[in-house]
Amino acid sequence: MNITINIIEVASELAHKELERHFDFDAKLIYEWVSDDESRYTEEAQDLFNEWYDHYYEFLEGLKEELC
């Protein structure tokens, strides 16, 4: 069976899940509010997200190459 995934989306989702676990699901440590309706990752969270994203993207890309 073949399954098609968007590697960018999956790597992003997995990286975000790692942030939630790392910060024990504490939104105050993950997000900072830019305005009433807009937030972004804190600097520390963004750095960790980038590391985990790269990790998962490379992992998934490697799987793709192995399977093709």
PDB file of N, CA and C in Angstrom:
ATOM      1  N   MET A   1       0.846  -1.171   0.000  1.00  0.00           N
ATOM      2  CA  MET A   1       0.000   0.000   0.000  1.00  0.00           C
ATOM      3  C   MET A   1       0.895   1.238   0.000  1.00  0.00           C
ATOM      4  N   ASN A   2       0.568   2.209  -0.817  1.00  0.00           N
ATOM      5  CA  ASN A   2       1.276   3.477  -0.864  1.00  0.00           C
ATOM      6  C   ASN A   2       0.488   4.542  -0.116  1.00  0.00           C
ATOM      7  N   ILE A   3       1.207   5.322   0.663  1.00  0.00           N
ATOM      8  CA  ILE A   3       0.608   6.433   1.377  1.00  0.00           C
ATOM      9  C   ILE A   3       1.371   7.686   0.981  1.00  0.00           C
ATOM     10  N   THR A   4       0.656   8.708   0.571  1.00  0.00           N
ATOM     11  CA  THR A   4       1.283   9.970   0.203  1.00  0.00           C
ATOM     12  C   THR A   4       1.125  10.943   1.359  1.00  0.00           C
ATOM     13  N   ILE A   5       2.247  11.553   1.769  1.00  0.00           N
ATOM     14  CA  ILE A   5       2.204  12.542   2.846  1.00  0.00           C
ATOM     15  C   ILE A   5       2.925  13.807   2.393  1.00  0.00           C
ATOM     16  N   ASN A   6       2.610  14.889   3.045  1.00  0.00           N
ATOM     17  CA  ASN A   6       3.317  16.141   2.843  1.00  0.00           C
ATOM     18  C   ASN A   6       4.403  16.190   3.922  1.00  0.00           C
ATOM     19  N   ILE A   7       5.649  15.994   3.516  1.00  0.00           N
ATOM     20  CA  ILE A   7       6.751  15.904   4.481  1.00  0.00           C
ATOM     21  C   ILE A   7       6.877  17.179   5.306  1.00  0.00           C
ATOM     22  N   ILE A   8       6.673  18.323   4.692  1.00  0.00           N
ATOM     23  CA  ILE A   8       6.776  19.597   5.411  1.00  0.00           C
ATOM     24  C   ILE A   8       5.720  19.668   6.514  1.00  0.00           C
ATOM     25  N   GLU A   9       4.496  19.293   6.183  1.00  0.00           N
ATOM     26  CA  GLU A   9       3.418  19.335   7.164  1.00  0.00           C
ATOM     27  C   GLU A   9       3.643  18.344   8.302  1.00  0.00           C
ATOM     28  N   VAL A  10       4.054  17.135   7.965  1.00  0.00           N
ATOM     29  CA  VAL A  10       4.279  16.116   9.004  1.00  0.00           C
ATOM     30  C   VAL A  10       5.457  16.507   9.891  1.00  0.00           C
ATOM     31  N   ALA A  11       6.547  16.976   9.305  1.00  0.00           N
ATOM     32  CA  ALA A  11       7.704  17.399  10.101  1.00  0.00           C
ATOM     33  C   ALA A  11       7.316  18.542  11.034  1.00  0.00           C
ATOM     34  N   SER A  12       6.485  19.469  10.552  1.00  0.00           N
ATOM     35  CA  SER A  12       6.026  20.586  11.390  1.00  0.00           C
ATOM     36  C   SER A  12       5.166  20.097  12.546  1.00  0.00           C
ATOM     37  N   GLU A  13       4.250  19.201  12.261  1.00  0.00           N
ATOM     38  CA  GLU A  13       3.380  18.666  13.309  1.00  0.00           C
ATOM     39  C   GLU A  13       4.187  17.919  14.372  1.00  0.00           C
ATOM     40  N   LEU A  14       5.125  17.102  13.935  1.00  0.00           N
ATOM     41  CA  LEU A  14       5.945  16.347  14.884  1.00  0.00           C
ATOM     42  C   LEU A  14       6.828  17.279  15.711  1.00  0.00           C
ATOM     43  N   ALA A  15       7.392  18.293  15.086  1.00  0.00           N
ATOM     44  CA  ALA A  15       8.229  19.257  15.812  1.00  0.00           C
ATOM     45  C   ALA A  15       7.392  19.992  16.857  1.00  0.00           C
ATOM     46  N   HIS A  16       6.175  20.361  16.498  1.00  0.00           N
ATOM     47  CA  HIS A  16       5.306  21.046  17.458  1.00  0.00           C
ATOM     48  C   HIS A  16       4.966  20.130  18.634  1.00  0.00           C
ATOM     49  N   LYS A  17       4.702  18.866  18.359  1.00  0.00           N
ATOM     50  CA  LYS A  17       4.422  17.914  19.439  1.00  0.00           C
ATOM     51  C   LYS A  17       5.613  17.801  20.388  1.00  0.00           C
ATOM     52  N   GLU A  18       6.833  17.847  19.843  1.00  0.00           N
ATOM     53  CA  GLU A  18       8.028  17.816  20.693  1.00  0.00           C
ATOM     54  C   GLU A  18       8.080  19.049  21.599  1.00  0.00           C
ATOM     55  N   LEU A  19       7.703  20.207  21.055  1.00  0.00           N
ATOM     56  CA  LEU A  19       7.662  21.426  21.879  1.00  0.00           C
ATOM     57  C   LEU A  19       6.677  21.270  23.030  1.00  0.00           C
ATOM     58  N   GLU A  20       5.503  20.758  22.719  1.00  0.00           N
ATOM     59  CA  GLU A  20       4.499  20.579  23.773  1.00  0.00           C
ATOM     60  C   GLU A  20       5.024  19.671  24.876  1.00  0.00           C
ATOM     61  N   ARG A  21       5.668  18.591  24.500  1.00  0.00           N
ATOM     62  CA  ARG A  21       6.223  17.680  25.517  1.00  0.00           C
ATOM     63  C   ARG A  21       7.366  18.348  26.283  1.00  0.00           C
ATOM     64  N   HIS A  22       8.249  19.030  25.565  1.00  0.00           N
ATOM     65  CA  HIS A  22       9.409  19.659  26.200  1.00  0.00           C
ATOM     66  C   HIS A  22       8.983  20.703  27.234  1.00  0.00           C
ATOM     67  N   PHE A  23       7.982  21.506  26.876  1.00  0.00           N
ATOM     68  CA  PHE A  23       7.517  22.565  27.766  1.00  0.00           C
ATOM     69  C   PHE A  23       6.333  22.127  28.627  1.00  0.00           C
ATOM     70  N   ASP A  24       6.098  20.825  28.684  1.00  0.00           N
ATOM     71  CA  ASP A  24       5.049  20.261  29.533  1.00  0.00           C
ATOM     72  C   ASP A  24       3.689  20.906  29.257  1.00  0.00           C
ATOM     73  N   PHE A  25       3.414  21.174  27.989  1.00  0.00           N
ATOM     74  CA  PHE A  25       2.133  21.719  27.530  1.00  0.00           C
ATOM     75  C   PHE A  25       1.815  23.089  28.139  1.00  0.00           C
ATOM     76  N   ASP A  26       2.832  23.833  28.555  1.00  0.00           N
ATOM     77  CA  ASP A  26       2.645  25.171  29.131  1.00  0.00           C
ATOM     78  C   ASP A  26       2.695  26.206  28.005  1.00  0.00           C
ATOM     79  N   ALA A  27       1.544  26.689  27.593  1.00  0.00           N
ATOM     80  CA  ALA A  27       1.453  27.618  26.455  1.00  0.00           C
ATOM     81  C   ALA A  27       2.263  28.893  26.683  1.00  0.00           C
ATOM     82  N   LYS A  28       2.403  29.324  27.940  1.00  0.00           N
ATOM     83  CA  LYS A  28       3.160  30.549  28.225  1.00  0.00           C
ATOM     84  C   LYS A  28       4.633  30.401  27.868  1.00  0.00           C
ATOM     85  N   LEU A  29       5.144  29.178  27.897  1.00  0.00           N
ATOM     86  CA  LEU A  29       6.540  28.941  27.538  1.00  0.00           C
ATOM     87  C   LEU A  29       6.711  28.703  26.042  1.00  0.00           C
ATOM     88  N   ILE A  30       5.633  28.368  25.370  1.00  0.00           N
ATOM     89  CA  ILE A  30       5.698  28.073  23.936  1.00  0.00           C
ATOM     90  C   ILE A  30       5.378  29.311  23.098  1.00  0.00           C
ATOM     91  N   TYR A  31       4.389  30.098  23.514  1.00  0.00           N
ATOM     92  CA  TYR A  31       3.902  31.218  22.706  1.00  0.00           C
ATOM     93  C   TYR A  31       4.118  32.559  23.387  1.00  0.00           C
ATOM     94  N   GLU A  32       4.297  33.585  22.553  1.00  0.00           N
ATOM     95  CA  GLU A  32       4.216  34.960  23.010  1.00  0.00           C
ATOM     96  C   GLU A  32       3.197  35.654  22.123  1.00  0.00           C
ATOM     97  N   TRP A  33       2.421  36.536  22.717  1.00  0.00           N
ATOM     98  CA  TRP A  33       1.344  37.192  21.980  1.00  0.00           C
ATOM     99  C   TRP A  33       1.853  38.469  21.344  1.00  0.00           C
ATOM    100  N   VAL A  34       1.629  38.594  20.043  1.00  0.00           N
ATOM    101  CA  VAL A  34       2.023  39.777  19.286  1.00  0.00           C
ATOM    102  C   VAL A  34       0.895  40.804  19.335  1.00  0.00           C
ATOM    103  N   SER A  35      -0.335  40.322  19.279  1.00  0.00           N
ATOM    104  CA  SER A  35      -1.524  41.163  19.404  1.00  0.00           C
ATOM    105  C   SER A  35      -2.618  40.292  20.018  1.00  0.00           C
ATOM    106  N   ASP A  36      -3.813  40.824  20.119  1.00  0.00           N
ATOM    107  CA  ASP A  36      -4.912  40.068  20.730  1.00  0.00           C
ATOM    108  C   ASP A  36      -5.228  38.778  19.988  1.00  0.00           C
ATOM    109  N   ASP A  37      -4.985  38.757  18.686  1.00  0.00           N
ATOM    110  CA  ASP A  37      -5.352  37.577  17.905  1.00  0.00           C
ATOM    111  C   ASP A  37      -4.174  36.942  17.163  1.00  0.00           C
ATOM    112  N   GLU A  38      -2.964  37.327  17.519  1.00  0.00           N
ATOM    113  CA  GLU A  38      -1.796  36.769  16.830  1.00  0.00           C
ATOM    114  C   GLU A  38      -0.711  36.385  17.838  1.00  0.00           C
ATOM    115  N   SER A  39      -0.221  35.160  17.689  1.00  0.00           N
ATOM    116  CA  SER A  39       0.857  34.691  18.555  1.00  0.00           C
ATOM    117  C   SER A  39       1.972  34.114  17.696  1.00  0.00           C
ATOM    118  N   ARG A  40       3.097  33.912  18.346  1.00  0.00           N
ATOM    119  CA  ARG A  40       4.231  33.251  17.698  1.00  0.00           C
ATOM    120  C   ARG A  40       4.983  32.492  18.780  1.00  0.00           C
ATOM    121  N   TYR A  41       5.873  31.624  18.339  1.00  0.00           N
ATOM    122  CA  TYR A  41       6.693  30.896  19.305  1.00  0.00           C
ATOM    123  C   TYR A  41       7.630  31.864  20.027  1.00  0.00           C
ATOM    124  N   THR A  42       7.909  31.547  21.297  1.00  0.00           N
ATOM    125  CA  THR A  42       8.960  32.290  21.994  1.00  0.00           C
ATOM    126  C   THR A  42      10.283  31.985  21.299  1.00  0.00           C
ATOM    127  N   GLU A  43      11.291  32.761  21.586  1.00  0.00           N
ATOM    128  CA  GLU A  43      12.586  32.548  20.939  1.00  0.00           C
ATOM    129  C   GLU A  43      13.134  31.149  21.232  1.00  0.00           C
ATOM    130  N   GLU A  44      13.042  30.726  22.488  1.00  0.00           N
ATOM    131  CA  GLU A  44      13.518  29.393  22.855  1.00  0.00           C
ATOM    132  C   GLU A  44      12.715  28.300  22.145  1.00  0.00           C
ATOM    133  N   ALA A  45      11.396  28.474  22.124  1.00  0.00           N
ATOM    134  CA  ALA A  45      10.545  27.481  21.463  1.00  0.00           C
ATOM    135  C   ALA A  45      10.840  27.432  19.966  1.00  0.00           C
ATOM    136  N   GLN A  46      11.056  28.588  19.342  1.00  0.00           N
ATOM    137  CA  GLN A  46      11.346  28.617  17.910  1.00  0.00           C
ATOM    138  C   GLN A  46      12.651  27.897  17.603  1.00  0.00           C
ATOM    139  N   ASP A  47      13.661  28.116  18.438  1.00  0.00           N
ATOM    140  CA  ASP A  47      14.945  27.431  18.240  1.00  0.00           C
ATOM    141  C   ASP A  47      14.777  25.918  18.333  1.00  0.00           C
ATOM    142  N   LEU A  48      14.036  25.466  19.345  1.00  0.00           N
ATOM    143  CA  LEU A  48      13.798  24.030  19.498  1.00  0.00           C
ATOM    144  C   LEU A  48      12.949  23.483  18.354  1.00  0.00           C
ATOM    145  N   PHE A  49      11.941  24.239  17.953  1.00  0.00           N
ATOM    146  CA  PHE A  49      11.102  23.812  16.826  1.00  0.00           C
ATOM    147  C   PHE A  49      11.970  23.611  15.589  1.00  0.00           C
ATOM    148  N   ASN A  50      12.842  24.562  15.309  1.00  0.00           N
ATOM    149  CA  ASN A  50      13.704  24.464  14.129  1.00  0.00           C
ATOM    150  C   ASN A  50      14.568  23.205  14.174  1.00  0.00           C
ATOM    151  N   GLU A  51      15.126  22.905  15.338  1.00  0.00           N
ATOM    152  CA  GLU A  51      15.955  21.706  15.484  1.00  0.00           C
ATOM    153  C   GLU A  51      15.134  20.438  15.238  1.00  0.00           C
ATOM    154  N   TRP A  52      13.971  20.354  15.865  1.00  0.00           N
ATOM    155  CA  TRP A  52      13.132  19.171  15.706  1.00  0.00           C
ATOM    156  C   TRP A  52      12.584  19.059  14.293  1.00  0.00           C
ATOM    157  N   TYR A  53      12.221  20.199  13.707  1.00  0.00           N
ATOM    158  CA  TYR A  53      11.731  20.181  12.333  1.00  0.00           C
ATOM    159  C   TYR A  53      12.802  19.604  11.406  1.00  0.00           C
ATOM    160  N   ASP A  54      14.031  20.100  11.512  1.00  0.00           N
ATOM    161  CA  ASP A  54      15.127  19.589  10.677  1.00  0.00           C
ATOM    162  C   ASP A  54      15.320  18.090  10.882  1.00  0.00           C
ATOM    163  N   HIS A  55      15.270  17.670  12.141  1.00  0.00           N
ATOM    164  CA  HIS A  55      15.433  16.253  12.473  1.00  0.00           C
ATOM    165  C   HIS A  55      14.367  15.407  11.769  1.00  0.00           C
ATOM    166  N   TYR A  56      13.115  15.781  11.949  1.00  0.00           N
ATOM    167  CA  TYR A  56      12.034  14.992  11.364  1.00  0.00           C
ATOM    168  C   TYR A  56      11.997  15.097   9.838  1.00  0.00           C
ATOM    169  N   TYR A  57      12.285  16.263   9.301  1.00  0.00           N
ATOM    170  CA  TYR A  57      12.287  16.413   7.845  1.00  0.00           C
ATOM    171  C   TYR A  57      13.344  15.485   7.227  1.00  0.00           C
ATOM    172  N   GLU A  58      14.544  15.509   7.782  1.00  0.00           N
ATOM    173  CA  GLU A  58      15.613  14.649   7.265  1.00  0.00           C
ATOM    174  C   GLU A  58      15.254  13.170   7.424  1.00  0.00           C
ATOM    175  N   PHE A  59      14.658  12.818   8.551  1.00  0.00           N
ATOM    176  CA  PHE A  59      14.240  11.435   8.775  1.00  0.00           C
ATOM    177  C   PHE A  59      13.225  10.994   7.724  1.00  0.00           C
ATOM    178  N   LEU A  60      12.194  11.809   7.523  1.00  0.00           N
ATOM    179  CA  LEU A  60      11.146  11.462   6.558  1.00  0.00           C
ATOM    180  C   LEU A  60      11.678  11.457   5.134  1.00  0.00           C
ATOM    181  N   GLU A  61      12.543  12.381   4.817  1.00  0.00           N
ATOM    182  CA  GLU A  61      13.145  12.428   3.490  1.00  0.00           C
ATOM    183  C   GLU A  61      13.976  11.159   3.253  1.00  0.00           C
ATOM    184  N   GLY A  62      14.688  10.718   4.283  1.00  0.00           N
ATOM    185  CA  GLY A  62      15.474   9.484   4.192  1.00  0.00           C
ATOM    186  C   GLY A  62      14.597   8.274   3.953  1.00  0.00           C
ATOM    187  N   LEU A  63      13.454   8.218   4.620  1.00  0.00           N
ATOM    188  CA  LEU A  63      12.519   7.112   4.400  1.00  0.00           C
ATOM    189  C   LEU A  63      12.026   7.101   2.957  1.00  0.00           C
ATOM    190  N   LYS A  64      11.737   8.278   2.464  1.00  0.00           N
ATOM    191  CA  LYS A  64      11.247   8.413   1.095  1.00  0.00           C
ATOM    192  C   LYS A  64      12.271   7.840   0.114  1.00  0.00           C
ATOM    193  N   GLU A  65      13.530   8.192   0.334  1.00  0.00           N
ATOM    194  CA  GLU A  65      14.601   7.707  -0.556  1.00  0.00           C
ATOM    195  C   GLU A  65      14.776   6.198  -0.451  1.00  0.00           C
ATOM    196  N   GLU A  66      14.639   5.658   0.762  1.00  0.00           N
ATOM    197  CA  GLU A  66      14.767   4.212   0.961  1.00  0.00           C
ATOM    198  C   GLU A  66      13.664   3.444   0.250  1.00  0.00           C
ATOM    199  N   LEU A  67      12.474   4.014   0.255  1.00  0.00           N
ATOM    200  CA  LEU A  67      11.316   3.315  -0.287  1.00  0.00           C
ATOM    201  C   LEU A  67      11.175   3.466  -1.803  1.00  0.00           C
ATOM    202  N   CYS A  68      11.849   4.418  -2.364  1.00  0.00           N
ATOM    203  CA  CYS A  68      11.730   4.638  -3.817  1.00  0.00           C
ATOM    204  C   CYS A  68      12.741   3.836  -4.613  1.00  0.00           C
TER     205      CYS A  68
END
